[in-house]
Amino acid sequence: MEITTDQIKKLREATGAGILDSREALKKSGGDFDKAMTYLREKGLASASKKAERHAGDGIIGSYIHHNGRVAVLLEVNTETDFVARTPEFVALAQNLAMHIAMANPRYLKPEDVPAEALDAKQAIYRKEAEATGKPAPVVDRIVAGKLDKFYDDVCLLRQPYIKDDQLRVGDLIGQAIAQLGENVVVRRFVRYEIGGE
């Protein structure tokens, strides 16, 4: 099958991939646009996982203040170079992440950040609820594990479904940014303020 320049152009615009990568993706997918996008996404995420090991010592402070002035967020997003930190894509990522934090109200960055005491308390509650159903111990363990998984999805930023696309987790959004920008991207920390909140 012959791949046209229009197909390549369309795929590049949709994904931000290079000409050669777009052509290769279209060839491997037999000209199927959706399969080509999936191929590029998987390739990008694989390359992003390699870049995630690199030191990200530069970056910006992103911010968001909700239109009613009742919620505000500051977050530090790091990358490897000042050059990438100043790109419109990186600045937009920081702003979108700040907006997500304002709306979704995560309490922690990742599951490892949840304090042991809070985790133990949640496990105890989930176990008591599961045991009350009278199910056998292995089933209770699976129920507790499933509820803990859901708890992480609710309170950990990198595990939350992204507010602008609930098919995408915030961690995956960052992985896509790594693939697009060609450098490691790390959310270092964030703080969310809300009128009357803690």
Foldseek 3Di string as FASTA:
>chain_A
DDDDPVLLVVLCVVQVDDSVLSVVLCVVVVNDSVSSNVVLLVVLLVVLVVQQPDDFDAADWAKDADPVRFKIKIFTKTWNDPVLRPDPVNNVLSPLLRVQCRPLVADAAAPVPPDPVVVVVLLVVQLVVLVVVVDDPVVSVVSSVVVVLVVRCRHHQQNDQRPVGSVDGSVSVQSSVCSNSVIHMDTDDMDMGGVVDD
